[in-house]
């Protein structure tokens, strides 16, 4: 079977598939669920809530940032995360 020709799909479909792929990991779904209920939290808040290490949470947040379903406001050495309502 040949390579998928992504140029035959709309930009919306390609972006949506990227978001779905990022949300395909249970830890990322748990992080997104936490962000939905706890706006403007920092990484340590997520670490305290979920059974994941700080490094693991940071890695999953990086994957989520790649598809941009949330925002991060930098204040000093902390990043405050929240979901973007349109996504």
PDB file of N, CA and C in Angstrom:
ATOM      1  N   UNK A   1       0.841  -1.171   0.000  1.00  0.00           N
ATOM      2  CA  UNK A   1       0.000   0.000   0.000  1.00  0.00           C
ATOM      3  C   UNK A   1       0.888   1.237   0.000  1.00  0.00           C
ATOM      4  N   UNK A   2       0.543   2.243  -0.780  1.00  0.00           N
ATOM      5  CA  UNK A   2       1.349   3.450  -0.919  1.00  0.00           C
ATOM      6  C   UNK A   2       1.191   4.407   0.247  1.00  0.00           C
ATOM      7  N   UNK A   3       1.962   5.467   0.204  1.00  0.00           N
ATOM      8  CA  UNK A   3       1.877   6.510   1.218  1.00  0.00           C
ATOM      9  C   UNK A   3       0.556   7.251   1.094  1.00  0.00           C
ATOM     10  N   UNK A   4       0.042   7.717   2.229  1.00  0.00           N
ATOM     11  CA  UNK A   4      -1.172   8.518   2.219  1.00  0.00           C
ATOM     12  C   UNK A   4      -0.876   9.875   1.606  1.00  0.00           C
ATOM     13  N   UNK A   5      -1.709  10.318   0.704  1.00  0.00           N
ATOM     14  CA  UNK A   5      -1.511  11.609   0.063  1.00  0.00           C
ATOM     15  C   UNK A   5      -2.332  12.645   0.822  1.00  0.00           C
ATOM     16  N   UNK A   6      -1.685  13.309   1.786  1.00  0.00           N
ATOM     17  CA  UNK A   6      -2.405  14.256   2.626  1.00  0.00           C
ATOM     18  C   UNK A   6      -2.872  15.482   1.865  1.00  0.00           C
ATOM     19  N   UNK A   7      -2.283  15.750   0.703  1.00  0.00           N
ATOM     20  CA  UNK A   7      -2.722  16.918  -0.062  1.00  0.00           C
ATOM     21  C   UNK A   7      -4.121  16.743  -0.640  1.00  0.00           C
ATOM     22  N   UNK A   8      -4.660  15.530  -0.580  1.00  0.00           N
ATOM     23  CA  UNK A   8      -6.013  15.299  -1.074  1.00  0.00           C
ATOM     24  C   UNK A   8      -7.068  15.585  -0.011  1.00  0.00           C
ATOM     25  N   UNK A   9      -6.622  15.866   1.225  1.00  0.00           N
ATOM     26  CA  UNK A   9      -7.545  16.142   2.324  1.00  0.00           C
ATOM     27  C   UNK A   9      -7.534  17.627   2.661  1.00  0.00           C
ATOM     28  N   UNK A  10      -8.646  18.102   3.202  1.00  0.00           N
ATOM     29  CA  UNK A  10      -8.738  19.514   3.566  1.00  0.00           C
ATOM     30  C   UNK A  10      -7.841  19.805   4.769  1.00  0.00           C
ATOM     31  N   UNK A  11      -7.475  21.062   4.906  1.00  0.00           N
ATOM     32  CA  UNK A  11      -6.660  21.496   6.046  1.00  0.00           C
ATOM     33  C   UNK A  11      -7.377  21.187   7.351  1.00  0.00           C
ATOM     34  N   UNK A  12      -8.680  21.373   7.373  1.00  0.00           N
ATOM     35  CA  UNK A  12      -9.469  21.097   8.582  1.00  0.00           C
ATOM     36  C   UNK A  12      -9.371  19.630   8.983  1.00  0.00           C
ATOM     37  N   UNK A  13      -9.469  18.728   8.015  1.00  0.00           N
ATOM     38  CA  UNK A  13      -9.371  17.291   8.297  1.00  0.00           C
ATOM     39  C   UNK A  13      -7.977  16.942   8.808  1.00  0.00           C
ATOM     40  N   UNK A  14      -6.952  17.502   8.213  1.00  0.00           N
ATOM     41  CA  UNK A  14      -5.578  17.223   8.635  1.00  0.00           C
ATOM     42  C   UNK A  14      -5.345  17.730  10.057  1.00  0.00           C
ATOM     43  N   UNK A  15      -5.814  18.944  10.355  1.00  0.00           N
ATOM     44  CA  UNK A  15      -5.652  19.493  11.711  1.00  0.00           C
ATOM     45  C   UNK A  15      -6.425  18.669  12.727  1.00  0.00           C
ATOM     46  N   UNK A  16      -7.647  18.282  12.399  1.00  0.00           N
ATOM     47  CA  UNK A  16      -8.464  17.481  13.300  1.00  0.00           C
ATOM     48  C   UNK A  16      -7.825  16.121  13.570  1.00  0.00           C
ATOM     49  N   UNK A  17      -7.256  15.514  12.552  1.00  0.00           N
ATOM     50  CA  UNK A  17      -6.609  14.213  12.754  1.00  0.00           C
ATOM     51  C   UNK A  17      -5.395  14.342  13.667  1.00  0.00           C
ATOM     52  N   UNK A  18      -4.682  15.464  13.571  1.00  0.00           N
ATOM     53  CA  UNK A  18      -3.553  15.696  14.474  1.00  0.00           C
ATOM     54  C   UNK A  18      -4.003  15.835  15.911  1.00  0.00           C
ATOM     55  N   UNK A  19      -5.106  16.537  16.128  1.00  0.00           N
ATOM     56  CA  UNK A  19      -5.650  16.694  17.483  1.00  0.00           C
ATOM     57  C   UNK A  19      -6.105  15.343  18.024  1.00  0.00           C
ATOM     58  N   UNK A  20      -6.805  14.579  17.196  1.00  0.00           N
ATOM     59  CA  UNK A  20      -7.282  13.262  17.634  1.00  0.00           C
ATOM     60  C   UNK A  20      -6.111  12.354  17.966  1.00  0.00           C
ATOM     61  N   UNK A  21      -5.062  12.404  17.173  1.00  0.00           N
ATOM     62  CA  UNK A  21      -3.871  11.589  17.448  1.00  0.00           C
ATOM     63  C   UNK A  21      -3.250  11.986  18.778  1.00  0.00           C
ATOM     64  N   UNK A  22      -3.145  13.288  19.031  1.00  0.00           N
ATOM     65  CA  UNK A  22      -2.566  13.755  20.303  1.00  0.00           C
ATOM     66  C   UNK A  22      -3.420  13.328  21.483  1.00  0.00           C
ATOM     67  N   UNK A  23      -4.726  13.299  21.303  1.00  0.00           N
ATOM     68  CA  UNK A  23      -5.624  12.912  22.392  1.00  0.00           C
ATOM     69  C   UNK A  23      -5.761  11.402  22.528  1.00  0.00           C
ATOM     70  N   UNK A  24      -5.097  10.657  21.655  1.00  0.00           N
ATOM     71  CA  UNK A  24      -5.196   9.206  21.666  1.00  0.00           C
ATOM     72  C   UNK A  24      -4.493   8.534  22.831  1.00  0.00           C
ATOM     73  N   UNK A  25      -3.737   9.272  23.610  1.00  0.00           N
ATOM     74  CA  UNK A  25      -3.035   8.706  24.765  1.00  0.00           C
ATOM     75  C   UNK A  25      -3.841   8.984  26.027  1.00  0.00           C
ATOM     76  N   UNK A  26      -4.072   7.971  26.870  1.00  0.00           N
ATOM     77  CA  UNK A  26      -4.888   8.169  28.071  1.00  0.00           C
ATOM     78  C   UNK A  26      -4.360   9.271  29.001  1.00  0.00           C
ATOM     79  N   UNK A  27      -3.055   9.404  29.117  1.00  0.00           N
ATOM     80  CA  UNK A  27      -2.497  10.447  29.985  1.00  0.00           C
ATOM     81  C   UNK A  27      -2.843  11.830  29.448  1.00  0.00           C
ATOM     82  N   UNK A  28      -2.806  11.981  28.136  1.00  0.00           N
ATOM     83  CA  UNK A  28      -3.136  13.283  27.547  1.00  0.00           C
ATOM     84  C   UNK A  28      -4.620  13.589  27.709  1.00  0.00           C
ATOM     85  N   UNK A  29      -5.452  12.567  27.591  1.00  0.00           N
ATOM     86  CA  UNK A  29      -6.881  12.772  27.826  1.00  0.00           C
ATOM     87  C   UNK A  29      -7.117  13.189  29.276  1.00  0.00           C
ATOM     88  N   UNK A  30      -6.392  12.585  30.206  1.00  0.00           N
ATOM     89  CA  UNK A  30      -6.526  12.953  31.618  1.00  0.00           C
ATOM     90  C   UNK A  30      -6.066  14.393  31.846  1.00  0.00           C
ATOM     91  N   UNK A  31      -5.001  14.795  31.185  1.00  0.00           N
ATOM     92  CA  UNK A  31      -4.504  16.169  31.314  1.00  0.00           C
ATOM     93  C   UNK A  31      -5.530  17.144  30.747  1.00  0.00           C
ATOM     94  N   UNK A  32      -6.077  16.862  29.579  1.00  0.00           N
ATOM     95  CA  UNK A  32      -7.074  17.739  28.968  1.00  0.00           C
ATOM     96  C   UNK A  32      -8.320  17.814  29.853  1.00  0.00           C
ATOM     97  N   UNK A  33      -8.727  16.693  30.415  1.00  0.00           N
ATOM     98  CA  UNK A  33      -9.874  16.674  31.315  1.00  0.00           C
ATOM     99  C   UNK A  33      -9.600  17.551  32.541  1.00  0.00           C
ATOM    100  N   UNK A  34      -8.401  17.441  33.082  1.00  0.00           N
ATOM    101  CA  UNK A  34      -8.026  18.271  34.237  1.00  0.00           C
ATOM    102  C   UNK A  34      -8.034  19.751  33.861  1.00  0.00           C
ATOM    103  N   UNK A  35      -7.485  20.073  32.690  1.00  0.00           N
ATOM    104  CA  UNK A  35      -7.456  21.465  32.240  1.00  0.00           C
ATOM    105  C   UNK A  35      -8.870  22.003  32.017  1.00  0.00           C
ATOM    106  N   UNK A  36      -9.778  21.158  31.579  1.00  0.00           N
ATOM    107  CA  UNK A  36     -11.152  21.593  31.354  1.00  0.00           C
ATOM    108  C   UNK A  36     -11.834  21.983  32.663  1.00  0.00           C
ATOM    109  N   UNK A  37     -11.443  21.320  33.743  1.00  0.00           N
ATOM    110  CA  UNK A  37     -12.053  21.577  35.048  1.00  0.00           C
ATOM    111  C   UNK A  37     -11.242  22.522  35.922  1.00  0.00           C
ATOM    112  N   UNK A  38      -9.986  22.769  35.552  1.00  0.00           N
ATOM    113  CA  UNK A  38      -9.100  23.597  36.364  1.00  0.00           C
ATOM    114  C   UNK A  38      -8.347  24.561  35.464  1.00  0.00           C
ATOM    115  N   UNK A  39      -8.980  25.663  35.091  1.00  0.00           N
ATOM    116  CA  UNK A  39      -8.299  26.619  34.203  1.00  0.00           C
ATOM    117  C   UNK A  39      -7.125  27.303  34.897  1.00  0.00           C
ATOM    118  N   UNK A  40      -6.162  27.680  34.095  1.00  0.00           N
ATOM    119  CA  UNK A  40      -4.986  28.418  34.563  1.00  0.00           C
ATOM    120  C   UNK A  40      -4.214  27.700  35.660  1.00  0.00           C
ATOM    121  N   UNK A  41      -3.910  26.430  35.425  1.00  0.00           N
ATOM    122  CA  UNK A  41      -3.092  25.686  36.371  1.00  0.00           C
ATOM    123  C   UNK A  41      -1.671  25.590  35.821  1.00  0.00           C
ATOM    124  N   UNK A  42      -0.747  25.203  36.680  1.00  0.00           N
ATOM    125  CA  UNK A  42       0.636  25.025  36.265  1.00  0.00           C
ATOM    126  C   UNK A  42       0.953  23.535  36.246  1.00  0.00           C
ATOM    127  N   UNK A  43       2.098  23.201  35.677  1.00  0.00           N
ATOM    128  CA  UNK A  43       2.483  21.794  35.531  1.00  0.00           C
ATOM    129  C   UNK A  43       2.433  21.055  36.872  1.00  0.00           C
ATOM    130  N   UNK A  44       2.911  21.684  37.935  1.00  0.00           N
ATOM    131  CA  UNK A  44       2.916  21.016  39.245  1.00  0.00           C
ATOM    132  C   UNK A  44       1.517  20.687  39.735  1.00  0.00           C
ATOM    133  N   UNK A  45       0.514  21.513  39.381  1.00  0.00           N
ATOM    134  CA  UNK A  45      -0.871  21.200  39.742  1.00  0.00           C
ATOM    135  C   UNK A  45      -1.301  19.890  39.090  1.00  0.00           C
ATOM    136  N   UNK A  46      -0.920  19.715  37.834  1.00  0.00           N
ATOM    137  CA  UNK A  46      -1.266  18.494  37.101  1.00  0.00           C
ATOM    138  C   UNK A  46      -0.542  17.298  37.706  1.00  0.00           C
ATOM    139  N   UNK A  47       0.734  17.487  38.051  1.00  0.00           N
ATOM    140  CA  UNK A  47       1.534  16.409  38.649  1.00  0.00           C
ATOM    141  C   UNK A  47       0.918  15.960  39.970  1.00  0.00           C
ATOM    142  N   UNK A  48       0.429  16.907  40.759  1.00  0.00           N
ATOM    143  CA  UNK A  48      -0.187  16.559  42.054  1.00  0.00           C
ATOM    144  C   UNK A  48      -1.499  15.814  41.876  1.00  0.00           C
ATOM    145  N   UNK A  49      -2.196  16.086  40.782  1.00  0.00           N
ATOM    146  CA  UNK A  49      -3.505  15.474  40.546  1.00  0.00           C
ATOM    147  C   UNK A  49      -3.413  14.099  39.883  1.00  0.00           C
ATOM    148  N   UNK A  50      -2.482  13.915  38.971  1.00  0.00           N
ATOM    149  CA  UNK A  50      -2.381  12.676  38.199  1.00  0.00           C
ATOM    150  C   UNK A  50      -1.199  11.833  38.672  1.00  0.00           C
ATOM    151  N   UNK A  51      -1.281  10.526  38.480  1.00  0.00           N
ATOM    152  CA  UNK A  51      -0.182   9.649  38.909  1.00  0.00           C
ATOM    153  C   UNK A  51       0.958   9.621  37.883  1.00  0.00           C
ATOM    154  N   UNK A  52       1.458  10.809  37.542  1.00  0.00           N
ATOM    155  CA  UNK A  52       2.515  10.937  36.541  1.00  0.00           C
ATOM    156  C   UNK A  52       3.631  11.808  37.100  1.00  0.00           C
ATOM    157  N   UNK A  53       4.842  11.531  36.667  1.00  0.00           N
ATOM    158  CA  UNK A  53       5.974  12.355  37.100  1.00  0.00           C
ATOM    159  C   UNK A  53       5.943  13.697  36.383  1.00  0.00           C
ATOM    160  N   UNK A  54       6.709  14.661  36.903  1.00  0.00           N
ATOM    161  CA  UNK A  54       6.776  15.980  36.294  1.00  0.00           C
ATOM    162  C   UNK A  54       7.308  15.885  34.869  1.00  0.00           C
ATOM    163  N   UNK A  55       8.313  15.049  34.659  1.00  0.00           N
ATOM    164  CA  UNK A  55       8.893  14.898  33.322  1.00  0.00           C
ATOM    165  C   UNK A  55       7.868  14.322  32.344  1.00  0.00           C
ATOM    166  N   UNK A  56       7.072  13.369  32.796  1.00  0.00           N
ATOM    167  CA  UNK A  56       6.058  12.759  31.946  1.00  0.00           C
ATOM    168  C   UNK A  56       4.961  13.762  31.599  1.00  0.00           C
ATOM    169  N   UNK A  57       4.521  14.527  32.593  1.00  0.00           N
ATOM    170  CA  UNK A  57       3.500  15.551  32.343  1.00  0.00           C
ATOM    171  C   UNK A  57       4.036  16.578  31.347  1.00  0.00           C
ATOM    172  N   UNK A  58       5.275  17.010  31.537  1.00  0.00           N
ATOM    173  CA  UNK A  58       5.868  17.991  30.622  1.00  0.00           C
ATOM    174  C   UNK A  58       5.939  17.453  29.200  1.00  0.00           C
ATOM    175  N   UNK A  59       6.287  16.182  29.064  1.00  0.00           N
ATOM    176  CA  UNK A  59       6.361  15.565  27.735  1.00  0.00           C
ATOM    177  C   UNK A  59       4.975  15.538  27.073  1.00  0.00           C
ATOM    178  N   UNK A  60       3.958  15.175  27.838  1.00  0.00           N
ATOM    179  CA  UNK A  60       2.611  15.126  27.283  1.00  0.00           C
ATOM    180  C   UNK A  60       2.095  16.530  26.962  1.00  0.00           C
ATOM    181  N   UNK A  61       2.418  17.508  27.788  1.00  0.00           N
ATOM    182  CA  UNK A  61       2.027  18.888  27.496  1.00  0.00           C
ATOM    183  C   UNK A  61       2.701  19.370  26.210  1.00  0.00           C
ATOM    184  N   UNK A  62       3.933  18.953  25.993  1.00  0.00           N
ATOM    185  CA  UNK A  62       4.642  19.319  24.763  1.00  0.00           C
ATOM    186  C   UNK A  62       3.909  18.743  23.549  1.00  0.00           C
ATOM    187  N   UNK A  63       3.476  17.499  23.643  1.00  0.00           N
ATOM    188  CA  UNK A  63       2.727  16.880  22.545  1.00  0.00           C
ATOM    189  C   UNK A  63       1.411  17.620  22.304  1.00  0.00           C
ATOM    190  N   UNK A  64       0.751  18.032  23.370  1.00  0.00           N
ATOM    191  CA  UNK A  64      -0.500  18.771  23.227  1.00  0.00           C
ATOM    192  C   UNK A  64      -0.250  20.157  22.634  1.00  0.00           C
ATOM    193  N   UNK A  65       0.852  20.785  23.016  1.00  0.00           N
ATOM    194  CA  UNK A  65       1.193  22.092  22.445  1.00  0.00           C
ATOM    195  C   UNK A  65       1.427  21.996  20.946  1.00  0.00           C
ATOM    196  N   UNK A  66       1.915  20.856  20.484  1.00  0.00           N
ATOM    197  CA  UNK A  66       2.168  20.681  19.051  1.00  0.00           C
ATOM    198  C   UNK A  66       0.899  20.811  18.221  1.00  0.00           C
ATOM    199  N   UNK A  67      -0.252  20.459  18.795  1.00  0.00           N
ATOM    200  CA  UNK A  67      -1.520  20.605  18.081  1.00  0.00           C
ATOM    201  C   UNK A  67      -2.312  21.791  18.612  1.00  0.00           C
ATOM    202  N   UNK A  68      -1.781  22.484  19.614  1.00  0.00           N
ATOM    203  CA  UNK A  68      -2.314  23.743  20.135  1.00  0.00           C
ATOM    204  C   UNK A  68      -3.738  23.677  20.669  1.00  0.00           C
ATOM    205  N   UNK A  69      -4.112  22.653  21.460  1.00  0.00           N
ATOM    206  CA  UNK A  69      -5.444  22.658  22.031  1.00  0.00           C
ATOM    207  C   UNK A  69      -5.555  23.444  23.326  1.00  0.00           C
ATOM    208  N   UNK A  70      -4.463  23.990  23.790  1.00  0.00           N
ATOM    209  CA  UNK A  70      -4.463  24.756  25.026  1.00  0.00           C
ATOM    210  C   UNK A  70      -3.510  25.929  24.885  1.00  0.00           C
ATOM    211  N   UNK A  71      -3.545  26.794  25.835  1.00  0.00           N
ATOM    212  CA  UNK A  71      -2.618  27.917  25.811  1.00  0.00           C
ATOM    213  C   UNK A  71      -1.757  27.866  27.052  1.00  0.00           C
ATOM    214  N   UNK A  72      -0.625  28.511  26.996  1.00  0.00           N
ATOM    215  CA  UNK A  72       0.253  28.601  28.143  1.00  0.00           C
ATOM    216  C   UNK A  72       0.742  30.021  28.318  1.00  0.00           C
ATOM    217  N   UNK A  73       0.483  30.598  29.477  1.00  0.00           N
ATOM    218  CA  UNK A  73       0.957  31.937  29.789  1.00  0.00           C
ATOM    219  C   UNK A  73       2.166  31.820  30.698  1.00  0.00           C
ATOM    220  N   UNK A  74       3.267  32.424  30.292  1.00  0.00           N
ATOM    221  CA  UNK A  74       4.502  32.342  31.060  1.00  0.00           C
ATOM    222  C   UNK A  74       4.546  33.463  32.082  1.00  0.00           C
ATOM    223  N   UNK A  75       4.743  33.082  33.345  1.00  0.00           N
ATOM    224  CA  UNK A  75       4.897  34.033  34.438  1.00  0.00           C
ATOM    225  C   UNK A  75       6.117  33.604  35.237  1.00  0.00           C
ATOM    226  N   UNK A  76       7.230  34.292  35.038  1.00  0.00           N
ATOM    227  CA  UNK A  76       8.467  33.896  35.713  1.00  0.00           C
ATOM    228  C   UNK A  76       8.936  32.561  35.181  1.00  0.00           C
ATOM    229  N   UNK A  77       9.110  31.599  36.095  1.00  0.00           N
ATOM    230  CA  UNK A  77       9.550  30.271  35.673  1.00  0.00           C
ATOM    231  C   UNK A  77       8.385  29.298  35.509  1.00  0.00           C
ATOM    232  N   UNK A  78       7.158  29.755  35.725  1.00  0.00           N
ATOM    233  CA  UNK A  78       5.979  28.896  35.622  1.00  0.00           C
ATOM    234  C   UNK A  78       5.203  29.183  34.345  1.00  0.00           C
ATOM    235  N   UNK A  79       4.572  28.145  33.825  1.00  0.00           N
ATOM    236  CA  UNK A  79       3.677  28.290  32.684  1.00  0.00           C
ATOM    237  C   UNK A  79       2.292  27.904  33.166  1.00  0.00           C
ATOM    238  N   UNK A  80       1.336  28.808  32.971  1.00  0.00           N
ATOM    239  CA  UNK A  80      -0.045  28.562  33.362  1.00  0.00           C
ATOM    240  C   UNK A  80      -0.790  28.034  32.138  1.00  0.00           C
ATOM    241  N   UNK A  81      -1.428  26.877  32.268  1.00  0.00           N
ATOM    242  CA  UNK A  81      -2.109  26.237  31.142  1.00  0.00           C
ATOM    243  C   UNK A  81      -3.616  26.372  31.272  1.00  0.00           C
ATOM    244  N   UNK A  82      -4.275  26.506  30.123  1.00  0.00           N
ATOM    245  CA  UNK A  82      -5.737  26.510  30.057  1.00  0.00           C
ATOM    246  C   UNK A  82      -6.140  26.086  28.649  1.00  0.00           C
ATOM    247  N   UNK A  83      -7.322  25.512  28.527  1.00  0.00           N
ATOM    248  CA  UNK A  83      -7.829  25.126  27.216  1.00  0.00           C
ATOM    249  C   UNK A  83      -8.295  26.361  26.464  1.00  0.00           C
ATOM    250  N   UNK A  84      -8.186  26.327  25.163  1.00  0.00           N
ATOM    251  CA  UNK A  84      -8.710  27.388  24.314  1.00  0.00           C
ATOM    252  C   UNK A  84     -10.149  27.010  23.993  1.00  0.00           C
ATOM    253  N   UNK A  85     -11.139  27.856  24.306  1.00  0.00           N
ATOM    254  CA  UNK A  85     -12.540  27.470  24.127  1.00  0.00           C
ATOM    255  C   UNK A  85     -12.917  26.967  22.743  1.00  0.00           C
ATOM    256  N   UNK A  86     -12.331  27.499  21.658  1.00  0.00           N
ATOM    257  CA  UNK A  86     -12.725  27.073  20.313  1.00  0.00           C
ATOM    258  C   UNK A  86     -12.349  25.627  20.029  1.00  0.00           C
ATOM    259  N   UNK A  87     -11.341  25.078  20.752  1.00  0.00           N
ATOM    260  CA  UNK A  87     -10.916  23.713  20.487  1.00  0.00           C
ATOM    261  C   UNK A  87     -11.575  22.730  21.425  1.00  0.00           C
TER     262      UNK A  87
END
